[in-house]
């Protein structure tokens, strides 16, 4: 073991544990490569996604066409494998104690799992058809939930953070939908808005009085 370590490139001994740690963290979806910028060859590779290995050409010339995103850092940028997989890549120049480029670390992340997950979430979030109102016009509790929920989504304020004006606006919508014509609606509305029934009746009276004056 000691002889093997002594025979390894000192750059691999220095940065290999970091490369190995990144490869372990990102699992099978990331390829980590340490390059020699002097010989333009691969020094070592972890989780290889292709058949290349140590000693193969690095082809670091691709970095010449990129603007650095930070000091000695290039990317993230996109690459493609021959099988069509898209990679997000980032490369960093590692310098020695004298500030000279000693190695280039590249991390290539396979975006396939992310794209598949995004497709699944997008399918779940696809627009639904307009709800058939005749099916819900008799379900006054459903109408209450729908009206209050719509207001919450529009304003971004949950029920517990509603102001007095918010509650007046919601009660106005419920009144227009004739929900209060149902005898048992007020307690349900009070519970949904997390206020007392007396508060609901008081706000409703204020709302109707204002509407009459207008």
N, C-alpha and C. Protein backbone atom coordinates (compact mmCIF):
# COMPACT_ATOMS: atom_id res chain seq x y z
N UNK A 1 0.84 -1.20 0.00
CA UNK A 1 0.00 0.00 0.00
C UNK A 1 0.87 1.26 0.00
N UNK A 2 1.94 1.23 0.85
CA UNK A 2 2.81 2.40 0.91
C UNK A 2 3.53 2.62 -0.40
N UNK A 3 3.96 1.53 -1.06
CA UNK A 3 4.65 1.67 -2.33
C UNK A 3 3.72 2.22 -3.40
N UNK A 4 2.44 1.78 -3.36
CA UNK A 4 1.49 2.29 -4.34
C UNK A 4 1.28 3.78 -4.16
N UNK A 5 1.17 4.22 -2.87
CA UNK A 5 0.98 5.64 -2.61
C UNK A 5 2.18 6.44 -3.08
N UNK A 6 3.39 5.90 -2.82
CA UNK A 6 4.59 6.63 -3.23
C UNK A 6 4.69 6.75 -4.74
N UNK A 7 4.15 5.76 -5.46
CA UNK A 7 4.22 5.79 -6.91
C UNK A 7 3.17 6.65 -7.55
N UNK A 8 2.19 7.09 -6.79
CA UNK A 8 1.11 7.90 -7.35
C UNK A 8 1.56 9.34 -7.55
N UNK A 9 0.93 9.99 -8.49
CA UNK A 9 1.22 11.40 -8.73
C UNK A 9 0.89 12.19 -7.47
N UNK A 10 1.77 13.07 -7.05
CA UNK A 10 1.52 13.83 -5.82
C UNK A 10 0.26 14.67 -5.88
N UNK A 11 -0.16 15.06 -7.09
CA UNK A 11 -1.40 15.83 -7.22
C UNK A 11 -2.62 14.97 -6.91
N UNK A 12 -2.55 13.69 -7.25
CA UNK A 12 -3.64 12.78 -6.92
C UNK A 12 -3.68 12.55 -5.41
N UNK A 13 -2.49 12.42 -4.80
CA UNK A 13 -2.45 12.24 -3.34
C UNK A 13 -3.02 13.46 -2.63
N UNK A 14 -2.78 14.65 -3.20
CA UNK A 14 -3.23 15.87 -2.55
C UNK A 14 -4.73 16.09 -2.73
N UNK A 15 -5.21 15.99 -3.98
CA UNK A 15 -6.60 16.36 -4.25
C UNK A 15 -7.52 15.16 -4.44
N UNK A 16 -6.96 13.95 -4.48
CA UNK A 16 -7.78 12.77 -4.66
C UNK A 16 -8.86 12.59 -3.62
N UNK A 17 -8.57 12.79 -2.31
CA UNK A 17 -9.62 12.64 -1.31
C UNK A 17 -10.80 13.60 -1.52
N UNK A 18 -10.49 14.82 -1.98
CA UNK A 18 -11.57 15.77 -2.26
C UNK A 18 -12.43 15.27 -3.43
N UNK A 19 -11.76 14.82 -4.49
CA UNK A 19 -12.49 14.30 -5.65
C UNK A 19 -13.34 13.10 -5.26
N UNK A 20 -12.77 12.21 -4.46
CA UNK A 20 -13.51 11.02 -4.02
C UNK A 20 -14.71 11.41 -3.18
N UNK A 21 -14.55 12.41 -2.31
CA UNK A 21 -15.65 12.86 -1.47
C UNK A 21 -16.80 13.42 -2.31
N UNK A 22 -16.47 14.22 -3.32
CA UNK A 22 -17.51 14.78 -4.20
C UNK A 22 -18.23 13.67 -4.94
N UNK A 23 -17.46 12.68 -5.42
CA UNK A 23 -18.06 11.56 -6.15
C UNK A 23 -18.99 10.76 -5.25
N UNK A 24 -18.60 10.57 -4.00
CA UNK A 24 -19.47 9.84 -3.07
C UNK A 24 -20.73 10.63 -2.75
N UNK A 25 -20.61 11.94 -2.60
CA UNK A 25 -21.76 12.77 -2.26
C UNK A 25 -22.80 12.79 -3.37
N UNK A 26 -22.34 12.91 -4.60
CA UNK A 26 -23.26 13.01 -5.73
C UNK A 26 -23.58 11.65 -6.34
N UNK A 27 -23.06 10.60 -5.73
CA UNK A 27 -23.42 9.25 -6.14
C UNK A 27 -23.06 8.93 -7.58
N UNK A 28 -23.88 8.10 -8.22
CA UNK A 28 -23.55 7.66 -9.58
C UNK A 28 -23.84 8.71 -10.64
N UNK A 29 -24.33 9.88 -10.24
CA UNK A 29 -24.75 10.87 -11.23
C UNK A 29 -23.68 11.91 -11.52
N UNK A 30 -22.52 11.78 -10.90
CA UNK A 30 -21.46 12.76 -11.14
C UNK A 30 -20.15 12.06 -11.45
N UNK A 31 -19.50 12.56 -12.48
CA UNK A 31 -18.16 12.10 -12.84
C UNK A 31 -17.18 13.19 -12.38
N UNK A 32 -16.15 12.78 -11.67
CA UNK A 32 -15.16 13.73 -11.17
C UNK A 32 -13.82 13.38 -11.83
N UNK A 33 -13.21 14.36 -12.46
CA UNK A 33 -11.99 14.11 -13.23
C UNK A 33 -10.90 15.10 -12.81
N UNK A 34 -9.71 14.59 -12.61
CA UNK A 34 -8.55 15.42 -12.32
C UNK A 34 -7.63 15.37 -13.55
N UNK A 35 -7.36 16.55 -14.12
CA UNK A 35 -6.59 16.64 -15.35
C UNK A 35 -5.21 17.24 -15.11
N UNK A 36 -4.29 16.88 -15.99
CA UNK A 36 -2.95 17.49 -16.01
C UNK A 36 -2.94 18.56 -17.11
N UNK A 37 -2.90 19.84 -16.76
CA UNK A 37 -2.95 20.89 -17.80
C UNK A 37 -1.69 20.97 -18.63
N UNK A 38 -0.55 20.44 -18.12
CA UNK A 38 0.69 20.48 -18.90
C UNK A 38 0.67 19.46 -20.04
N UNK A 39 0.21 18.26 -19.77
CA UNK A 39 0.20 17.21 -20.79
C UNK A 39 -1.17 17.06 -21.45
N UNK A 40 -2.18 17.76 -20.91
CA UNK A 40 -3.56 17.65 -21.40
C UNK A 40 -4.02 16.19 -21.37
N UNK A 41 -3.75 15.53 -20.25
CA UNK A 41 -4.16 14.15 -20.05
C UNK A 41 -4.91 13.99 -18.73
N UNK A 42 -5.72 12.93 -18.66
CA UNK A 42 -6.46 12.64 -17.44
C UNK A 42 -5.50 12.04 -16.42
N UNK A 43 -5.48 12.63 -15.22
CA UNK A 43 -4.67 12.09 -14.13
C UNK A 43 -5.40 10.95 -13.42
N UNK A 44 -6.67 11.20 -13.07
CA UNK A 44 -7.48 10.20 -12.38
C UNK A 44 -8.94 10.55 -12.61
N UNK A 45 -9.80 9.55 -12.49
CA UNK A 45 -11.22 9.76 -12.73
C UNK A 45 -12.03 8.92 -11.75
N UNK A 46 -13.08 9.51 -11.23
CA UNK A 46 -13.98 8.84 -10.29
C UNK A 46 -15.39 8.81 -10.90
N UNK A 47 -16.07 7.69 -10.79
CA UNK A 47 -17.40 7.50 -11.40
C UNK A 47 -17.38 7.81 -12.91
N UNK A 48 -16.51 7.17 -13.67
CA UNK A 48 -16.43 7.50 -15.11
C UNK A 48 -17.75 7.24 -15.83
N UNK A 49 -18.12 8.17 -16.70
CA UNK A 49 -19.35 8.03 -17.49
C UNK A 49 -19.05 7.53 -18.90
N UNK A 50 -17.78 7.52 -19.26
CA UNK A 50 -17.37 7.03 -20.58
C UNK A 50 -16.22 6.04 -20.36
N UNK A 51 -15.65 5.58 -21.46
CA UNK A 51 -14.58 4.58 -21.37
C UNK A 51 -13.22 5.21 -21.11
N UNK A 52 -13.12 6.52 -21.04
CA UNK A 52 -11.81 7.14 -20.86
C UNK A 52 -11.28 6.87 -19.45
N UNK A 53 -9.97 6.92 -19.31
CA UNK A 53 -9.33 6.67 -18.04
C UNK A 53 -8.04 7.44 -17.92
N UNK A 54 -7.27 7.21 -16.86
CA UNK A 54 -6.00 7.92 -16.68
C UNK A 54 -5.09 7.75 -17.89
N UNK A 55 -4.51 8.85 -18.32
CA UNK A 55 -3.61 8.84 -19.46
C UNK A 55 -4.28 9.21 -20.77
N UNK A 56 -5.61 9.17 -20.80
CA UNK A 56 -6.33 9.55 -22.02
C UNK A 56 -6.33 11.07 -22.17
N UNK A 57 -6.55 11.56 -23.41
CA UNK A 57 -6.56 13.01 -23.64
C UNK A 57 -7.65 13.71 -22.81
N UNK A 58 -7.29 14.85 -22.28
CA UNK A 58 -8.24 15.64 -21.49
C UNK A 58 -9.09 16.56 -22.36
N UNK A 59 -8.50 17.07 -23.43
CA UNK A 59 -9.19 18.02 -24.33
C UNK A 59 -9.64 19.25 -23.56
N UNK A 60 -8.73 19.82 -22.78
CA UNK A 60 -9.06 21.00 -21.98
C UNK A 60 -9.21 22.26 -22.81
N UNK A 61 -8.93 22.15 -24.10
CA UNK A 61 -9.07 23.32 -24.95
C UNK A 61 -10.47 23.88 -24.97
N UNK A 62 -11.46 23.06 -24.58
CA UNK A 62 -12.83 23.54 -24.56
C UNK A 62 -13.01 24.68 -23.57
N UNK A 63 -12.15 24.73 -22.56
CA UNK A 63 -12.27 25.81 -21.57
C UNK A 63 -11.84 27.16 -22.14
N UNK A 64 -11.07 27.14 -23.22
CA UNK A 64 -10.59 28.39 -23.82
C UNK A 64 -11.75 29.23 -24.36
N UNK A 65 -12.86 28.57 -24.68
CA UNK A 65 -14.00 29.29 -25.25
C UNK A 65 -14.96 29.79 -24.18
N UNK A 66 -14.64 29.53 -22.91
CA UNK A 66 -15.55 29.91 -21.82
C UNK A 66 -15.01 31.10 -21.05
N UNK A 67 -15.93 31.93 -20.60
CA UNK A 67 -15.55 33.03 -19.71
C UNK A 67 -15.56 32.48 -18.28
N UNK A 68 -14.53 32.76 -17.49
CA UNK A 68 -14.53 32.28 -16.11
C UNK A 68 -15.68 32.90 -15.31
N UNK A 69 -16.34 32.09 -14.49
CA UNK A 69 -17.44 32.59 -13.67
C UNK A 69 -16.93 33.11 -12.33
N UNK A 70 -15.72 32.75 -11.99
CA UNK A 70 -15.05 33.24 -10.79
C UNK A 70 -13.55 33.01 -11.01
N UNK A 71 -12.73 33.42 -10.06
CA UNK A 71 -11.30 33.23 -10.23
C UNK A 71 -10.98 31.75 -10.33
N UNK A 72 -10.41 31.36 -11.47
CA UNK A 72 -10.01 29.96 -11.74
C UNK A 72 -11.19 28.98 -11.78
N UNK A 73 -12.40 29.47 -11.96
CA UNK A 73 -13.58 28.59 -12.04
C UNK A 73 -14.31 28.85 -13.35
N UNK A 74 -14.66 27.77 -14.06
CA UNK A 74 -15.40 27.88 -15.32
C UNK A 74 -16.71 27.10 -15.18
N UNK A 75 -17.80 27.74 -15.56
CA UNK A 75 -19.09 27.07 -15.51
C UNK A 75 -19.96 27.56 -14.37
N UNK A 76 -21.06 26.86 -14.20
CA UNK A 76 -21.50 25.62 -14.87
C UNK A 76 -21.80 25.84 -16.36
N UNK A 77 -21.44 24.86 -17.16
CA UNK A 77 -21.71 24.90 -18.60
C UNK A 77 -22.23 23.53 -19.02
N UNK A 78 -22.83 23.47 -20.21
CA UNK A 78 -23.48 22.24 -20.66
C UNK A 78 -22.57 21.43 -21.57
N UNK A 79 -22.63 20.10 -21.40
CA UNK A 79 -21.94 19.16 -22.29
C UNK A 79 -22.91 18.05 -22.64
N UNK A 80 -22.63 17.35 -23.72
CA UNK A 80 -23.46 16.24 -24.17
C UNK A 80 -22.63 14.97 -24.30
N UNK A 81 -23.19 13.85 -23.87
CA UNK A 81 -22.57 12.56 -24.11
C UNK A 81 -23.09 11.99 -25.43
N UNK A 82 -22.39 10.99 -25.96
CA UNK A 82 -22.80 10.43 -27.25
C UNK A 82 -24.17 9.75 -27.16
N UNK A 83 -24.59 9.34 -25.95
CA UNK A 83 -25.89 8.71 -25.82
C UNK A 83 -27.02 9.72 -25.64
N UNK A 84 -26.67 11.01 -25.73
CA UNK A 84 -27.69 12.06 -25.66
C UNK A 84 -27.88 12.65 -24.29
N UNK A 85 -27.25 12.09 -23.27
CA UNK A 85 -27.41 12.64 -21.93
C UNK A 85 -26.78 14.03 -21.84
N UNK A 86 -27.48 14.92 -21.13
CA UNK A 86 -26.98 16.27 -20.93
C UNK A 86 -26.28 16.36 -19.59
N UNK A 87 -25.12 16.99 -19.59
CA UNK A 87 -24.35 17.15 -18.37
C UNK A 87 -24.23 18.63 -18.02
N UNK A 88 -24.23 18.92 -16.74
CA UNK A 88 -23.86 20.24 -16.27
C UNK A 88 -22.47 20.11 -15.67
N UNK A 89 -21.53 20.90 -16.20
CA UNK A 89 -20.14 20.75 -15.82
C UNK A 89 -19.58 22.03 -15.20
N UNK A 90 -18.65 21.83 -14.29
CA UNK A 90 -17.92 22.95 -13.72
C UNK A 90 -16.46 22.53 -13.61
N UNK A 91 -15.55 23.46 -13.92
CA UNK A 91 -14.12 23.16 -13.90
C UNK A 91 -13.40 24.20 -13.08
N UNK A 92 -12.38 23.74 -12.36
CA UNK A 92 -11.61 24.65 -11.52
C UNK A 92 -10.12 24.40 -11.70
N UNK A 93 -9.37 25.46 -11.85
CA UNK A 93 -7.92 25.37 -11.96
C UNK A 93 -7.32 25.32 -10.56
N UNK A 94 -6.56 24.27 -10.27
CA UNK A 94 -5.91 24.12 -8.98
C UNK A 94 -4.45 24.52 -9.11
N UNK A 95 -4.00 25.42 -8.26
CA UNK A 95 -2.64 25.97 -8.40
C UNK A 95 -1.73 25.47 -7.27
N UNK A 96 -0.45 25.44 -7.57
CA UNK A 96 0.52 25.01 -6.56
C UNK A 96 0.88 26.20 -5.66
N UNK A 97 1.85 25.97 -4.77
CA UNK A 97 2.22 27.01 -3.80
C UNK A 97 2.80 28.26 -4.48
N UNK A 98 3.32 28.10 -5.68
CA UNK A 98 3.86 29.26 -6.42
C UNK A 98 2.82 29.94 -7.30
N UNK A 99 1.58 29.44 -7.26
CA UNK A 99 0.51 30.04 -8.04
C UNK A 99 0.42 29.55 -9.46
N UNK A 100 1.17 28.50 -9.82
CA UNK A 100 1.15 27.97 -11.17
C UNK A 100 0.06 26.90 -11.30
N UNK A 101 -0.63 26.83 -12.46
CA UNK A 101 -1.65 25.79 -12.64
C UNK A 101 -1.03 24.41 -12.49
N UNK A 102 -1.56 23.64 -11.54
CA UNK A 102 -1.01 22.31 -11.27
C UNK A 102 -1.94 21.21 -11.76
N UNK A 103 -3.25 21.44 -11.65
CA UNK A 103 -4.23 20.45 -12.09
C UNK A 103 -5.54 21.18 -12.38
N UNK A 104 -6.41 20.50 -13.09
CA UNK A 104 -7.75 21.03 -13.36
C UNK A 104 -8.76 20.00 -12.88
N UNK A 105 -9.64 20.43 -12.01
CA UNK A 105 -10.68 19.56 -11.47
C UNK A 105 -11.98 19.82 -12.22
N UNK A 106 -12.58 18.77 -12.79
CA UNK A 106 -13.85 18.89 -13.50
C UNK A 106 -14.89 17.98 -12.86
N UNK A 107 -16.08 18.52 -12.66
CA UNK A 107 -17.21 17.74 -12.14
C UNK A 107 -18.31 17.79 -13.19
N UNK A 108 -18.71 16.61 -13.67
CA UNK A 108 -19.75 16.50 -14.69
C UNK A 108 -20.98 15.84 -14.08
N UNK A 109 -22.06 16.58 -13.97
CA UNK A 109 -23.28 16.08 -13.33
C UNK A 109 -24.29 15.68 -14.38
N UNK A 110 -24.74 14.44 -14.32
CA UNK A 110 -25.76 13.93 -15.25
C UNK A 110 -27.11 14.53 -14.87
N UNK A 111 -27.71 15.28 -15.80
CA UNK A 111 -28.97 15.95 -15.51
C UNK A 111 -30.19 15.07 -15.76
N UNK A 112 -29.99 13.85 -16.24
CA UNK A 112 -31.11 12.99 -16.59
C UNK A 112 -32.09 12.80 -15.43
N UNK A 113 -31.64 12.44 -14.22
CA UNK A 113 -32.60 12.27 -13.12
C UNK A 113 -33.38 13.54 -12.81
N UNK A 114 -32.70 14.70 -12.88
CA UNK A 114 -33.38 15.97 -12.61
C UNK A 114 -34.43 16.26 -13.68
N UNK A 115 -34.10 15.99 -14.94
CA UNK A 115 -35.05 16.24 -16.02
C UNK A 115 -36.24 15.30 -15.93
N UNK A 116 -35.99 14.05 -15.53
CA UNK A 116 -37.10 13.10 -15.36
C UNK A 116 -38.00 13.53 -14.22
N UNK A 117 -37.41 13.97 -13.11
CA UNK A 117 -38.22 14.43 -11.98
C UNK A 117 -39.02 15.67 -12.35
N UNK A 118 -38.39 16.59 -13.10
CA UNK A 118 -39.09 17.80 -13.52
C UNK A 118 -40.28 17.46 -14.42
N UNK A 119 -40.10 16.46 -15.29
CA UNK A 119 -41.18 16.05 -16.18
C UNK A 119 -42.36 15.49 -15.39
N UNK A 120 -42.05 14.69 -14.36
CA UNK A 120 -43.12 14.12 -13.52
C UNK A 120 -43.87 15.23 -12.79
N UNK A 121 -43.11 16.17 -12.18
CA UNK A 121 -43.75 17.26 -11.45
C UNK A 121 -44.56 18.15 -12.39
N UNK A 122 -44.03 18.37 -13.59
CA UNK A 122 -44.75 19.19 -14.56
C UNK A 122 -46.06 18.53 -14.97
N UNK A 123 -46.05 17.20 -15.10
CA UNK A 123 -47.28 16.49 -15.47
C UNK A 123 -48.33 16.61 -14.38
N UNK A 124 -47.87 16.51 -13.11
CA UNK A 124 -48.81 16.65 -12.01
C UNK A 124 -49.38 18.07 -11.93
N UNK A 125 -48.54 19.04 -12.31
CA UNK A 125 -48.97 20.43 -12.22
C UNK A 125 -49.62 20.95 -13.49
N UNK A 126 -49.92 20.07 -14.44
CA UNK A 126 -50.53 20.50 -15.70
C UNK A 126 -51.90 21.11 -15.44
N UNK A 127 -52.31 22.08 -16.26
CA UNK A 127 -53.62 22.70 -16.07
C UNK A 127 -54.74 21.67 -16.11
N UNK A 128 -55.70 21.85 -15.23
CA UNK A 128 -56.87 20.98 -15.23
C UNK A 128 -58.01 21.65 -15.97
N UNK A 129 -58.98 20.89 -16.37
CA UNK A 129 -60.15 21.47 -17.04
C UNK A 129 -60.94 22.27 -16.03
N UNK A 130 -61.70 23.23 -16.51
CA UNK A 130 -62.51 24.03 -15.61
C UNK A 130 -63.50 23.14 -14.88
N UNK A 131 -63.62 23.37 -13.58
CA UNK A 131 -64.47 22.49 -12.80
C UNK A 131 -65.93 22.64 -13.21
N UNK A 132 -66.67 21.56 -13.29
CA UNK A 132 -68.08 21.62 -13.69
C UNK A 132 -68.94 22.19 -12.56
N UNK A 133 -69.32 23.43 -12.67
CA UNK A 133 -70.07 24.11 -11.62
C UNK A 133 -71.36 23.40 -11.22
N UNK A 134 -72.12 22.82 -12.16
CA UNK A 134 -73.36 22.15 -11.74
C UNK A 134 -73.13 21.07 -10.70
N UNK A 135 -71.93 20.48 -10.71
CA UNK A 135 -71.65 19.43 -9.73
C UNK A 135 -71.40 20.00 -8.35
N UNK A 136 -71.07 21.29 -8.27
CA UNK A 136 -70.69 21.87 -6.99
C UNK A 136 -71.69 22.92 -6.48
N UNK A 137 -72.66 23.29 -7.30
CA UNK A 137 -73.53 24.38 -6.90
C UNK A 137 -74.37 24.03 -5.68
N UNK A 138 -74.60 22.75 -5.42
CA UNK A 138 -75.35 22.35 -4.25
C UNK A 138 -74.44 22.06 -3.05
N UNK A 139 -73.14 21.96 -3.29
CA UNK A 139 -72.19 21.66 -2.22
C UNK A 139 -71.64 22.96 -1.67
N UNK A 140 -72.36 23.58 -0.73
CA UNK A 140 -71.98 24.90 -0.24
C UNK A 140 -70.67 24.88 0.55
N UNK A 141 -70.36 23.75 1.21
CA UNK A 141 -69.09 23.67 1.94
C UNK A 141 -67.91 23.67 0.96
N UNK A 142 -68.10 23.03 -0.19
CA UNK A 142 -67.07 23.03 -1.22
C UNK A 142 -66.88 24.44 -1.78
N UNK A 143 -67.97 25.17 -1.93
CA UNK A 143 -67.89 26.54 -2.44
C UNK A 143 -67.14 27.43 -1.46
N UNK A 144 -67.37 27.22 -0.17
CA UNK A 144 -66.66 28.01 0.84
C UNK A 144 -65.16 27.78 0.73
N UNK A 145 -64.76 26.51 0.67
CA UNK A 145 -63.34 26.19 0.57
C UNK A 145 -62.73 26.76 -0.71
N UNK A 146 -63.48 26.65 -1.80
CA UNK A 146 -62.97 27.12 -3.09
C UNK A 146 -62.78 28.64 -3.08
N UNK A 147 -63.72 29.37 -2.55
CA UNK A 147 -63.64 30.83 -2.56
C UNK A 147 -62.52 31.32 -1.65
N UNK A 148 -62.45 30.75 -0.43
CA UNK A 148 -61.39 31.18 0.49
C UNK A 148 -60.02 30.75 -0.05
N UNK A 149 -59.93 29.52 -0.54
CA UNK A 149 -58.66 29.04 -1.08
C UNK A 149 -58.19 29.86 -2.27
N UNK A 150 -59.10 30.28 -3.12
CA UNK A 150 -58.74 31.11 -4.28
C UNK A 150 -58.18 32.44 -3.83
N UNK A 151 -58.80 33.02 -2.80
CA UNK A 151 -58.31 34.32 -2.31
C UNK A 151 -56.91 34.18 -1.72
N UNK A 152 -56.68 33.11 -0.98
CA UNK A 152 -55.36 32.87 -0.39
C UNK A 152 -54.31 32.74 -1.48
N UNK A 153 -54.62 32.02 -2.55
CA UNK A 153 -53.67 31.85 -3.65
C UNK A 153 -53.41 33.17 -4.37
N UNK A 154 -54.44 33.99 -4.53
CA UNK A 154 -54.28 35.27 -5.22
C UNK A 154 -53.41 36.24 -4.45
N UNK A 155 -53.62 36.29 -3.14
CA UNK A 155 -52.93 37.30 -2.32
C UNK A 155 -51.63 36.78 -1.72
N UNK A 156 -51.51 35.47 -1.63
CA UNK A 156 -50.33 34.89 -0.99
C UNK A 156 -50.35 35.00 0.52
N UNK A 157 -51.51 35.36 1.09
CA UNK A 157 -51.63 35.46 2.54
C UNK A 157 -52.49 34.33 3.08
N UNK A 158 -51.96 33.52 3.97
CA UNK A 158 -52.77 32.45 4.55
C UNK A 158 -53.85 33.03 5.46
N UNK A 159 -54.80 32.21 5.83
CA UNK A 159 -55.94 32.66 6.62
C UNK A 159 -55.51 33.34 7.91
N UNK A 160 -54.52 32.77 8.59
CA UNK A 160 -54.12 33.33 9.89
C UNK A 160 -53.47 34.70 9.79
N UNK A 161 -53.07 35.11 8.58
CA UNK A 161 -52.44 36.42 8.40
C UNK A 161 -53.36 37.41 7.71
N UNK A 162 -54.62 37.05 7.51
CA UNK A 162 -55.56 37.95 6.84
C UNK A 162 -55.85 39.18 7.70
N UNK A 163 -55.92 40.33 7.04
CA UNK A 163 -56.30 41.56 7.72
C UNK A 163 -57.82 41.70 7.70
N UNK A 164 -58.30 42.75 8.35
CA UNK A 164 -59.74 43.01 8.35
C UNK A 164 -60.26 43.21 6.94
N UNK A 165 -59.48 43.92 6.12
CA UNK A 165 -59.90 44.16 4.74
C UNK A 165 -59.91 42.86 3.94
N UNK A 166 -58.98 41.97 4.22
CA UNK A 166 -58.97 40.67 3.55
C UNK A 166 -60.25 39.90 3.87
N UNK A 167 -60.61 39.88 5.15
CA UNK A 167 -61.81 39.14 5.55
C UNK A 167 -63.07 39.76 4.94
N UNK A 168 -63.10 41.08 4.88
CA UNK A 168 -64.25 41.73 4.23
C UNK A 168 -64.33 41.34 2.76
N UNK A 169 -63.17 41.28 2.08
CA UNK A 169 -63.15 40.91 0.67
C UNK A 169 -63.63 39.48 0.48
N UNK A 170 -63.18 38.57 1.36
CA UNK A 170 -63.58 37.17 1.26
C UNK A 170 -65.08 37.04 1.52
N UNK A 171 -65.57 37.70 2.57
CA UNK A 171 -67.00 37.62 2.88
C UNK A 171 -67.83 38.20 1.75
N UNK A 172 -67.29 39.23 1.07
CA UNK A 172 -68.01 39.80 -0.07
C UNK A 172 -68.17 38.77 -1.18
N UNK A 173 -67.11 38.00 -1.44
CA UNK A 173 -67.20 36.96 -2.47
C UNK A 173 -68.17 35.86 -2.06
N UNK A 174 -68.12 35.49 -0.77
CA UNK A 174 -69.03 34.45 -0.29
C UNK A 174 -70.48 34.93 -0.36
N UNK A 175 -70.70 36.22 -0.06
CA UNK A 175 -72.06 36.75 -0.11
C UNK A 175 -72.58 36.79 -1.55
N UNK A 176 -71.68 37.17 -2.48
CA UNK A 176 -72.08 37.18 -3.89
C UNK A 176 -72.43 35.78 -4.37
N UNK A 177 -71.76 34.78 -3.81
CA UNK A 177 -72.04 33.39 -4.20
C UNK A 177 -73.26 32.83 -3.46
N UNK A 178 -73.90 33.67 -2.64
CA UNK A 178 -75.12 33.32 -1.91
C UNK A 178 -74.89 32.16 -0.94
N UNK A 179 -73.68 32.10 -0.42
CA UNK A 179 -73.38 31.04 0.54
C UNK A 179 -74.11 31.28 1.86
N UNK A 180 -74.29 32.56 2.22
CA UNK A 180 -74.94 32.86 3.50
C UNK A 180 -76.43 32.54 3.49
N UNK A 181 -76.96 32.22 2.31
CA UNK A 181 -78.36 31.81 2.26
C UNK A 181 -78.56 30.44 2.90
N UNK A 182 -77.48 29.70 3.07
CA UNK A 182 -77.54 28.39 3.73
C UNK A 182 -77.49 28.61 5.23
N UNK A 183 -78.39 28.02 5.94
CA UNK A 183 -78.56 28.29 7.37
C UNK A 183 -77.32 27.93 8.20
N UNK A 184 -76.62 26.89 7.84
CA UNK A 184 -75.49 26.43 8.64
C UNK A 184 -74.15 26.94 8.11
N UNK A 185 -74.17 27.89 7.21
CA UNK A 185 -72.92 28.32 6.57
C UNK A 185 -72.04 29.17 7.47
N UNK A 186 -72.64 30.06 8.27
CA UNK A 186 -71.84 31.00 9.07
C UNK A 186 -70.84 30.32 9.99
N UNK A 187 -71.23 29.28 10.76
CA UNK A 187 -70.24 28.62 11.62
C UNK A 187 -69.10 27.98 10.82
N UNK A 188 -69.43 27.43 9.65
CA UNK A 188 -68.39 26.82 8.82
C UNK A 188 -67.43 27.88 8.31
N UNK A 189 -67.95 29.02 7.89
CA UNK A 189 -67.11 30.12 7.41
C UNK A 189 -66.23 30.66 8.53
N UNK A 190 -66.81 30.80 9.72
CA UNK A 190 -66.04 31.27 10.88
C UNK A 190 -64.88 30.32 11.18
N UNK A 191 -65.15 29.03 11.11
CA UNK A 191 -64.09 28.06 11.36
C UNK A 191 -63.01 28.11 10.29
N UNK A 192 -63.41 28.28 9.04
CA UNK A 192 -62.44 28.33 7.94
C UNK A 192 -61.55 29.57 8.03
N UNK A 193 -62.16 30.69 8.48
CA UNK A 193 -61.40 31.94 8.60
C UNK A 193 -60.72 32.08 9.95
N UNK A 194 -60.99 31.14 10.86
CA UNK A 194 -60.40 31.13 12.20
C UNK A 194 -60.77 32.36 13.00
N UNK A 195 -62.04 32.72 12.92
CA UNK A 195 -62.60 33.81 13.72
C UNK A 195 -63.89 33.31 14.35
N UNK A 196 -64.46 34.12 15.23
CA UNK A 196 -65.71 33.74 15.88
C UNK A 196 -66.90 34.02 14.96
N UNK A 197 -68.02 33.38 15.27
CA UNK A 197 -69.23 33.63 14.48
C UNK A 197 -69.66 35.08 14.62
N UNK A 198 -69.50 35.65 15.81
CA UNK A 198 -69.90 37.05 16.00
C UNK A 198 -69.06 37.97 15.12
N UNK A 199 -67.79 37.63 14.95
CA UNK A 199 -66.94 38.44 14.05
C UNK A 199 -67.43 38.34 12.62
N UNK A 200 -67.80 37.13 12.19
CA UNK A 200 -68.32 36.96 10.83
C UNK A 200 -69.60 37.77 10.64
N UNK A 201 -70.53 37.69 11.60
CA UNK A 201 -71.79 38.43 11.49
C UNK A 201 -71.54 39.94 11.50
N UNK A 202 -70.59 40.39 12.33
CA UNK A 202 -70.29 41.81 12.40
C UNK A 202 -69.70 42.33 11.10
N UNK A 203 -68.73 41.57 10.54
CA UNK A 203 -68.13 41.98 9.28
C UNK A 203 -69.13 41.94 8.13
N UNK A 204 -70.00 40.94 8.16
CA UNK A 204 -71.00 40.83 7.10
C UNK A 204 -71.98 42.00 7.16
N UNK A 205 -72.38 42.37 8.37
CA UNK A 205 -73.29 43.51 8.52
C UNK A 205 -72.63 44.79 8.03
N UNK A 206 -71.35 44.96 8.37
CA UNK A 206 -70.60 46.14 7.90
C UNK A 206 -70.51 46.14 6.38
N UNK A 207 -70.24 44.99 5.80
CA UNK A 207 -70.10 44.87 4.35
C UNK A 207 -71.41 45.21 3.65
N UNK A 208 -72.50 44.66 4.13
CA UNK A 208 -73.80 44.91 3.51
C UNK A 208 -74.24 46.35 3.70
N UNK A 209 -73.94 46.92 4.86
CA UNK A 209 -74.29 48.31 5.09
C UNK A 209 -73.56 49.22 4.13
N UNK A 210 -72.27 48.93 3.92
CA UNK A 210 -71.48 49.73 2.98
C UNK A 210 -72.01 49.60 1.56
N UNK A 211 -72.40 48.39 1.18
CA UNK A 211 -72.93 48.16 -0.16
C UNK A 211 -74.23 48.89 -0.39
N UNK A 212 -75.06 48.95 0.65
CA UNK A 212 -76.35 49.66 0.54
C UNK A 212 -76.11 51.15 0.35
N UNK A 213 -75.15 51.69 1.11
CA UNK A 213 -74.84 53.13 0.99
C UNK A 213 -74.29 53.45 -0.38
N UNK A 214 -73.46 52.55 -0.90
CA UNK A 214 -72.88 52.78 -2.23
C UNK A 214 -73.95 52.72 -3.30
